[in-house]
Amino acid sequence: MNADTPSAPSRLLHIAASPMGERSQSRAVAETLVTAYRRTRPRATTDVLDLWRERLPEFGAAAVAAKRTEAAGGRADGEGAVAWKEVRRVFEHFDSYDRYVFSVPMWNFGIPYVLKHFIDVVSQAHMLFSFDRESGYRGLLRGKKAAVVYTSSVYGPGMPTAFGDDHQTPAFDGWLRWAGITDISTIQLRAHQIADDADLLRRDAHARAQEIGSRL
């Protein structure tokens, strides 16, 4: 469903993984997309989850123990119950949206650690996925859509491996599909610090963001 309806206006969450704020290339492109989205859906809710400002729960021993207890049909208590309550809070907030925009800069050829932290918190059985011994995993975030802005300062497709490699896109796109989100649009702004045509690459990325935002 691309348009708002009287009973259910759409809800979009922009999850920002760059710490650079207004200087972030990925965030700037994502904001162009969100602006286009708002223009075509004035009744929609649009929010930002800045992973560098949000205090995500630690997923340490207490949370792991609670996860195992809950998965076995029990009820976590004590420190584990507190940790699990925070995990549920983060997931339920995430799950309350039907559209997602992720701004993802490349860090060491992969994704920023704060985004991996978020993934590890929300990727829980009976929340984000189910599992069957015969059929395997089944993502539960069905009927949702995602747009991902991937940026990299040096790496670009087709460049020699001395300029890096892409472990960012396959890992994150793969997680989205595993979670049940198969309607994924991507924008790639590559080698934006070293490319001779960097300004053109930025303009093209923003133009694609406007196009995707108008139909997401």
C-alpha atoms as a PDB file:
ATOM      1  CA  MET A   1       0.000   0.000   0.000  1.00  0.00           C
ATOM      2  CA  ASN A   2       1.714   3.147  -1.224  1.00  0.00           C
ATOM      3  CA  ALA A   3      -0.806   5.770  -0.178  1.00  0.00           C
ATOM      4  CA  ASP A   4      -2.228   6.699   3.191  1.00  0.00           C
ATOM      5  CA  THR A   5      -5.752   5.506   3.922  1.00  0.00           C
ATOM      6  CA  PRO A   6      -8.256   7.184   6.261  1.00  0.00           C
ATOM      7  CA  SER A   7      -7.982   4.285   8.711  1.00  0.00           C
ATOM      8  CA  ALA A   8      -4.238   3.704   8.566  1.00  0.00           C
ATOM      9  CA  PRO A   9      -1.893   6.525   7.575  1.00  0.00           C
ATOM     10  CA  SER A  10       1.583   5.186   6.919  1.00  0.00           C
ATOM     11  CA  ARG A  11       4.398   5.338   9.462  1.00  0.00           C
ATOM     12  CA  LEU A  12       8.023   5.742   8.389  1.00  0.00           C
ATOM     13  CA  LEU A  13      11.109   5.392  10.571  1.00  0.00           C
ATOM     14  CA  HIS A  14      14.496   6.700   9.431  1.00  0.00           C
ATOM     15  CA  ILE A  15      17.251   4.771  11.222  1.00  0.00           C
ATOM     16  CA  ALA A  16      20.465   6.790  11.014  1.00  0.00           C
ATOM     17  CA  ALA A  17      23.741   4.903  11.500  1.00  0.00           C
ATOM     18  CA  SER A  18      26.215   7.745  10.916  1.00  0.00           C
ATOM     19  CA  PRO A  19      27.588   9.822  13.821  1.00  0.00           C
ATOM     20  CA  MET A  20      28.274  12.792  11.532  1.00  0.00           C
ATOM     21  CA  GLY A  21      24.890  14.512  11.784  1.00  0.00           C
ATOM     22  CA  GLU A  22      24.454  17.270   9.189  1.00  0.00           C
ATOM     23  CA  ARG A  23      27.855  16.400   7.663  1.00  0.00           C
ATOM     24  CA  SER A  24      26.763  12.835   6.900  1.00  0.00           C
ATOM     25  CA  GLN A  25      26.445  11.985   3.208  1.00  0.00           C
ATOM     26  CA  SER A  26      24.191   8.998   3.888  1.00  0.00           C
ATOM     27  CA  ARG A  27      21.914  10.964   6.173  1.00  0.00           C
ATOM     28  CA  ALA A  28      21.605  13.858   3.705  1.00  0.00           C
ATOM     29  CA  VAL A  29      20.460  11.512   0.939  1.00  0.00           C
ATOM     30  CA  ALA A  30      18.060   9.769   3.322  1.00  0.00           C
ATOM     31  CA  GLU A  31      16.559  13.109   4.354  1.00  0.00           C
ATOM     32  CA  THR A  32      15.957  13.948   0.685  1.00  0.00           C
ATOM     33  CA  LEU A  33      14.046  10.674   0.422  1.00  0.00           C
ATOM     34  CA  VAL A  34      11.993  11.359   3.561  1.00  0.00           C
ATOM     35  CA  THR A  35      11.140  14.870   2.342  1.00  0.00           C
ATOM     36  CA  ALA A  36       9.812  13.418  -0.935  1.00  0.00           C
ATOM     37  CA  TYR A  37       7.872  10.813   1.038  1.00  0.00           C
ATOM     38  CA  ARG A  38       6.227  13.501   3.191  1.00  0.00           C
ATOM     39  CA  ARG A  39       5.346  15.528   0.113  1.00  0.00           C
ATOM     40  CA  THR A  40       3.295  12.672  -1.339  1.00  0.00           C
ATOM     41  CA  ARG A  41       1.891  11.502   2.024  1.00  0.00           C
ATOM     42  CA  PRO A  42       1.177  14.570   4.143  1.00  0.00           C
ATOM     43  CA  ARG A  43      -0.720  12.508   6.733  1.00  0.00           C
ATOM     44  CA  ALA A  44       2.139  10.076   7.281  1.00  0.00           C
ATOM     45  CA  THR A  45       4.130   9.891  10.497  1.00  0.00           C
ATOM     46  CA  THR A  46       7.891  10.220   9.973  1.00  0.00           C
ATOM     47  CA  ASP A  47      10.370   9.775  12.807  1.00  0.00           C
ATOM     48  CA  VAL A  48      14.138   9.461  13.166  1.00  0.00           C
ATOM     49  CA  LEU A  49      16.002   6.927  15.285  1.00  0.00           C
ATOM     50  CA  ASP A  50      19.577   8.196  15.605  1.00  0.00           C
ATOM     51  CA  LEU A  51      21.550   5.169  16.760  1.00  0.00           C
ATOM     52  CA  TRP A  52      24.262   7.430  18.166  1.00  0.00           C
ATOM     53  CA  ARG A  53      21.786   9.184  20.458  1.00  0.00           C
ATOM     54  CA  GLU A  54      19.531   6.267  21.338  1.00  0.00           C
ATOM     55  CA  ARG A  55      20.668   4.294  24.359  1.00  0.00           C
ATOM     56  CA  LEU A  56      20.265   0.721  23.177  1.00  0.00           C
ATOM     57  CA  PRO A  57      20.204  -1.986  25.846  1.00  0.00           C
ATOM     58  CA  GLU A  58      23.334  -4.042  26.318  1.00  0.00           C
ATOM     59  CA  PHE A  59      22.821  -7.589  25.122  1.00  0.00           C
ATOM     60  CA  GLY A  60      25.019  -9.262  27.698  1.00  0.00           C
ATOM     61  CA  ALA A  61      24.745 -12.336  29.920  1.00  0.00           C
ATOM     62  CA  ALA A  62      21.466 -11.289  31.588  1.00  0.00           C
ATOM     63  CA  ALA A  63      19.750 -10.634  28.271  1.00  0.00           C
ATOM     64  CA  VAL A  64      21.049 -13.876  26.745  1.00  0.00           C
ATOM     65  CA  ALA A  65      19.834 -15.872  29.762  1.00  0.00           C
ATOM     66  CA  ALA A  66      16.432 -14.164  29.553  1.00  0.00           C
ATOM     67  CA  LYS A  67      16.261 -14.905  25.825  1.00  0.00           C
ATOM     68  CA  ARG A  68      16.857 -18.604  26.450  1.00  0.00           C
ATOM     69  CA  THR A  69      14.314 -18.705  29.266  1.00  0.00           C
ATOM     70  CA  GLU A  70      11.648 -17.000  27.160  1.00  0.00           C
ATOM     71  CA  ALA A  71      12.417 -19.195  24.122  1.00  0.00           C
ATOM     72  CA  ALA A  72      11.893 -22.284  26.291  1.00  0.00           C
ATOM     73  CA  GLY A  73       8.456 -21.026  27.347  1.00  0.00           C
ATOM     74  CA  GLY A  74       9.517 -19.690  30.734  1.00  0.00           C
ATOM     75  CA  ARG A  75       9.431 -16.212  32.218  1.00  0.00           C
ATOM     76  CA  ALA A  76      12.636 -14.286  32.885  1.00  0.00           C
ATOM     77  CA  ASP A  77      13.069 -12.715  36.304  1.00  0.00           C
ATOM     78  CA  GLY A  78      15.421 -10.367  38.133  1.00  0.00           C
ATOM     79  CA  GLU A  79      18.086  -8.648  36.059  1.00  0.00           C
ATOM     80  CA  GLY A  80      17.144 -10.769  33.070  1.00  0.00           C
ATOM     81  CA  ALA A  81      13.536  -9.584  33.171  1.00  0.00           C
ATOM     82  CA  VAL A  82      14.687  -5.957  33.146  1.00  0.00           C
ATOM     83  CA  ALA A  83      17.009  -6.609  30.202  1.00  0.00           C
ATOM     84  CA  TRP A  84      14.315  -8.465  28.271  1.00  0.00           C
ATOM     85  CA  LYS A  85      11.786  -5.698  28.862  1.00  0.00           C
ATOM     86  CA  GLU A  86      14.204  -3.257  27.220  1.00  0.00           C
ATOM     87  CA  VAL A  87      14.719  -5.597  24.268  1.00  0.00           C
ATOM     88  CA  ARG A  88      10.947  -5.812  23.774  1.00  0.00           C
ATOM     89  CA  ARG A  89      10.624  -2.036  24.032  1.00  0.00           C
ATOM     90  CA  VAL A  90      13.162  -1.443  21.248  1.00  0.00           C
ATOM     91  CA  PHE A  91      11.647  -4.116  19.017  1.00  0.00           C
ATOM     92  CA  GLU A  92       8.043  -2.992  19.509  1.00  0.00           C
ATOM     93  CA  HIS A  93       8.966   0.583  18.636  1.00  0.00           C
ATOM     94  CA  PHE A  94      10.738  -0.654  15.491  1.00  0.00           C
ATOM     95  CA  ASP A  95       7.859  -2.958  14.547  1.00  0.00           C
ATOM     96  CA  SER A  96       5.254  -0.195  14.891  1.00  0.00           C
ATOM     97  CA  TYR A  97       6.339   1.289  11.530  1.00  0.00           C
ATOM     98  CA  ASP A  98       5.478  -0.028   8.078  1.00  0.00           C
ATOM     99  CA  ARG A  99       8.180   1.846   6.136  1.00  0.00           C
ATOM    100  CA  TYR A 100      11.887   2.096   6.949  1.00  0.00           C
ATOM    101  CA  VAL A 101      14.724   4.239   5.657  1.00  0.00           C
ATOM    102  CA  PHE A 102      18.234   3.239   6.718  1.00  0.00           C
ATOM    103  CA  SER A 103      21.215   5.558   6.178  1.00  0.00           C
ATOM    104  CA  VAL A 104      24.262   3.293   6.276  1.00  0.00           C
ATOM    105  CA  PRO A 105      27.835   4.511   5.764  1.00  0.00           C
ATOM    106  CA  MET A 106      30.528   1.931   5.050  1.00  0.00           C
ATOM    107  CA  TRP A 107      32.857   1.289   7.980  1.00  0.00           C
ATOM    108  CA  ASN A 108      35.818  -1.006   7.355  1.00  0.00           C
ATOM    109  CA  PHE A 109      33.931  -2.459   4.368  1.00  0.00           C
ATOM    110  CA  GLY A 110      30.931  -3.333   6.566  1.00  0.00           C
ATOM    111  CA  ILE A 111      28.303  -1.538   8.637  1.00  0.00           C
ATOM    112  CA  PRO A 112      28.823   0.709  11.703  1.00  0.00           C
ATOM    113  CA  TYR A 113      28.883  -1.170  14.997  1.00  0.00           C
ATOM    114  CA  VAL A 114      25.884   0.755  16.330  1.00  0.00           C
ATOM    115  CA  LEU A 115      23.756  -0.685  13.526  1.00  0.00           C
ATOM    116  CA  LYS A 116      25.018  -4.195  14.295  1.00  0.00           C
ATOM    117  CA  HIS A 117      24.101  -3.567  17.945  1.00  0.00           C
ATOM    118  CA  PHE A 118      20.575  -2.580  16.881  1.00  0.00           C
ATOM    119  CA  ILE A 119      20.285  -5.702  14.711  1.00  0.00           C
ATOM    120  CA  ASP A 120      21.383  -7.931  17.590  1.00  0.00           C
ATOM    121  CA  VAL A 121      18.829  -6.356  19.939  1.00  0.00           C
ATOM    122  CA  VAL A 122      15.782  -6.618  17.656  1.00  0.00           C
ATOM    123  CA  SER A 123      16.581  -9.984  16.029  1.00  0.00           C
ATOM    124  CA  GLN A 124      14.675 -12.154  18.484  1.00  0.00           C
ATOM    125  CA  ALA A 125      12.633 -15.313  18.032  1.00  0.00           C
ATOM    126  CA  HIS A 126       8.849 -14.787  18.021  1.00  0.00           C
ATOM    127  CA  MET A 127       9.457 -11.083  17.407  1.00  0.00           C
ATOM    128  CA  LEU A 128      11.505 -10.645  14.238  1.00  0.00           C
ATOM    129  CA  PHE A 129      11.604 -14.298  13.151  1.00  0.00           C
ATOM    130  CA  SER A 130      10.286 -17.772  13.826  1.00  0.00           C
ATOM    131  CA  PHE A 131      12.119 -21.071  13.398  1.00  0.00           C
ATOM    132  CA  ASP A 132      11.030 -24.548  12.397  1.00  0.00           C
ATOM    133  CA  ARG A 133      13.314 -27.584  12.434  1.00  0.00           C
ATOM    134  CA  GLU A 134      11.958 -28.714   9.081  1.00  0.00           C
ATOM    135  CA  SER A 135      11.590 -25.445   7.164  1.00  0.00           C
ATOM    136  CA  GLY A 136      14.138 -23.228   8.942  1.00  0.00           C
ATOM    137  CA  TYR A 137      13.785 -19.494   9.610  1.00  0.00           C
ATOM    138  CA  ARG A 138      10.786 -17.364   8.668  1.00  0.00           C
ATOM    139  CA  GLY A 139      10.966 -13.573   8.862  1.00  0.00           C
ATOM    140  CA  LEU A 140       7.997 -11.942  10.577  1.00  0.00           C
ATOM    141  CA  LEU A 141       8.341  -8.354   9.300  1.00  0.00           C
ATOM    142  CA  ARG A 142       6.106  -9.073   6.324  1.00  0.00           C
ATOM    143  CA  GLY A 143       4.209  -6.430   4.391  1.00  0.00           C
ATOM    144  CA  LYS A 144       6.767  -3.735   5.216  1.00  0.00           C
ATOM    145  CA  LYS A 145       9.025  -1.783   2.852  1.00  0.00           C
ATOM    146  CA  ALA A 146      12.578  -0.518   3.247  1.00  0.00           C
ATOM    147  CA  ALA A 147      14.876   1.916   1.475  1.00  0.00           C
ATOM    148  CA  VAL A 148      18.601   1.821   2.216  1.00  0.00           C
ATOM    149  CA  VAL A 149      21.156   4.532   1.484  1.00  0.00           C
ATOM    150  CA  TYR A 150      24.628   2.988   1.217  1.00  0.00           C
ATOM    151  CA  THR A 151      27.645   5.294   1.094  1.00  0.00           C
ATOM    152  CA  SER A 152      31.400   4.799   0.987  1.00  0.00           C
ATOM    153  CA  SER A 153      34.210   7.325   0.835  1.00  0.00           C
ATOM    154  CA  VAL A 154      36.711   5.246  -1.145  1.00  0.00           C
ATOM    155  CA  TYR A 155      35.214   1.922  -2.222  1.00  0.00           C
ATOM    156  CA  GLY A 156      33.360   1.792  -5.524  1.00  0.00           C
ATOM    157  CA  PRO A 157      32.081  -1.124  -7.616  1.00  0.00           C
ATOM    158  CA  GLY A 158      34.550  -2.320 -10.220  1.00  0.00           C
ATOM    159  CA  MET A 159      37.524  -0.738  -8.467  1.00  0.00           C
ATOM    160  CA  PRO A 160      40.613  -2.822  -7.598  1.00  0.00           C
ATOM    161  CA  THR A 161      40.426  -4.603  -4.249  1.00  0.00           C
ATOM    162  CA  ALA A 162      43.154  -2.257  -2.979  1.00  0.00           C
ATOM    163  CA  PHE A 163      40.295   0.270  -2.672  1.00  0.00           C
ATOM    164  CA  GLY A 164      38.210  -2.074  -0.546  1.00  0.00           C
ATOM    165  CA  ASP A 165      35.379  -4.540  -0.915  1.00  0.00           C
ATOM    166  CA  ASP A 166      31.658  -4.539  -0.195  1.00  0.00           C
ATOM    167  CA  HIS A 167      30.666  -6.564   2.864  1.00  0.00           C
ATOM    168  CA  GLN A 168      28.120  -3.849   3.695  1.00  0.00           C
ATOM    169  CA  THR A 169      25.365  -4.324   1.110  1.00  0.00           C
ATOM    170  CA  PRO A 170      25.078  -8.140   1.068  1.00  0.00           C
ATOM    171  CA  ALA A 171      25.106  -8.344   4.865  1.00  0.00           C
ATOM    172  CA  PHE A 172      22.478  -5.673   5.473  1.00  0.00           C
ATOM    173  CA  ASP A 173      20.233  -6.519   2.514  1.00  0.00           C
ATOM    174  CA  GLY A 174      20.483 -10.140   3.616  1.00  0.00           C
ATOM    175  CA  TRP A 175      19.367  -9.275   7.145  1.00  0.00           C
ATOM    176  CA  LEU A 176      16.345  -7.357   5.836  1.00  0.00           C
ATOM    177  CA  ARG A 177      15.266 -10.301   3.688  1.00  0.00           C
ATOM    178  CA  TRP A 178      15.850 -12.753   6.533  1.00  0.00           C
ATOM    179  CA  ALA A 179      13.601 -10.541   8.697  1.00  0.00           C
ATOM    180  CA  GLY A 180      10.827 -10.798   6.102  1.00  0.00           C
ATOM    181  CA  ILE A 181      11.271  -7.473   4.271  1.00  0.00           C
ATOM    182  CA  THR A 182      11.573  -8.280   0.581  1.00  0.00           C
ATOM    183  CA  ASP A 183      10.486  -4.932  -0.905  1.00  0.00           C
ATOM    184  CA  ILE A 184      13.847  -3.152  -0.694  1.00  0.00           C
ATOM    185  CA  SER A 185      15.004  -0.085  -2.638  1.00  0.00           C
ATOM    186  CA  THR A 186      18.665   0.919  -2.507  1.00  0.00           C
ATOM    187  CA  ILE A 187      20.642   4.054  -3.247  1.00  0.00           C
ATOM    188  CA  GLN A 188      24.414   3.791  -3.558  1.00  0.00           C
ATOM    189  CA  LEU A 189      26.729   6.769  -3.281  1.00  0.00           C
ATOM    190  CA  ARG A 190      30.193   5.307  -3.755  1.00  0.00           C
ATOM    191  CA  ALA A 191      33.740   6.687  -3.711  1.00  0.00           C
ATOM    192  CA  HIS A 192      32.339  10.139  -2.974  1.00  0.00           C
ATOM    193  CA  GLN A 193      35.644  11.418  -1.554  1.00  0.00           C
ATOM    194  CA  ILE A 194      37.928  10.344  -4.396  1.00  0.00           C
ATOM    195  CA  ALA A 195      35.794  10.126  -7.550  1.00  0.00           C
ATOM    196  CA  ASP A 196      36.453  12.782 -10.203  1.00  0.00           C
ATOM    197  CA  ASP A 197      32.701  13.098 -10.733  1.00  0.00           C
ATOM    198  CA  ALA A 198      31.778  13.113  -7.026  1.00  0.00           C
ATOM    199  CA  ASP A 199      29.381  16.056  -7.394  1.00  0.00           C
ATOM    200  CA  LEU A 200      27.529  14.253 -10.174  1.00  0.00           C
ATOM    201  CA  LEU A 201      27.364  11.093  -8.065  1.00  0.00           C
ATOM    202  CA  ARG A 202      25.808  13.076  -5.211  1.00  0.00           C
ATOM    203  CA  ARG A 203      23.254  14.694  -7.503  1.00  0.00           C
ATOM    204  CA  ASP A 204      22.318  11.315  -8.945  1.00  0.00           C
ATOM    205  CA  ALA A 205      21.933   9.834  -5.450  1.00  0.00           C
ATOM    206  CA  HIS A 206      19.647  12.670  -4.342  1.00  0.00           C
ATOM    207  CA  ALA A 207      17.604  12.376  -7.547  1.00  0.00           C
ATOM    208  CA  ARG A 208      17.122   8.649  -6.965  1.00  0.00           C
ATOM    209  CA  ALA A 209      16.201   9.386  -3.345  1.00  0.00           C
ATOM    210  CA  GLN A 210      13.464  11.756  -4.496  1.00  0.00           C
ATOM    211  CA  GLU A 211      12.124   9.140  -6.903  1.00  0.00           C
ATOM    212  CA  ILE A 212      12.096   6.369  -4.303  1.00  0.00           C
ATOM    213  CA  GLY A 213      10.612   8.619  -1.630  1.00  0.00           C
ATOM    214  CA  SER A 214       7.680   9.515  -3.867  1.00  0.00           C
ATOM    215  CA  ARG A 215       6.666   5.858  -4.227  1.00  0.00           C
ATOM    216  CA  LEU A 216       7.872   4.093  -1.071  1.00  0.00           C
END
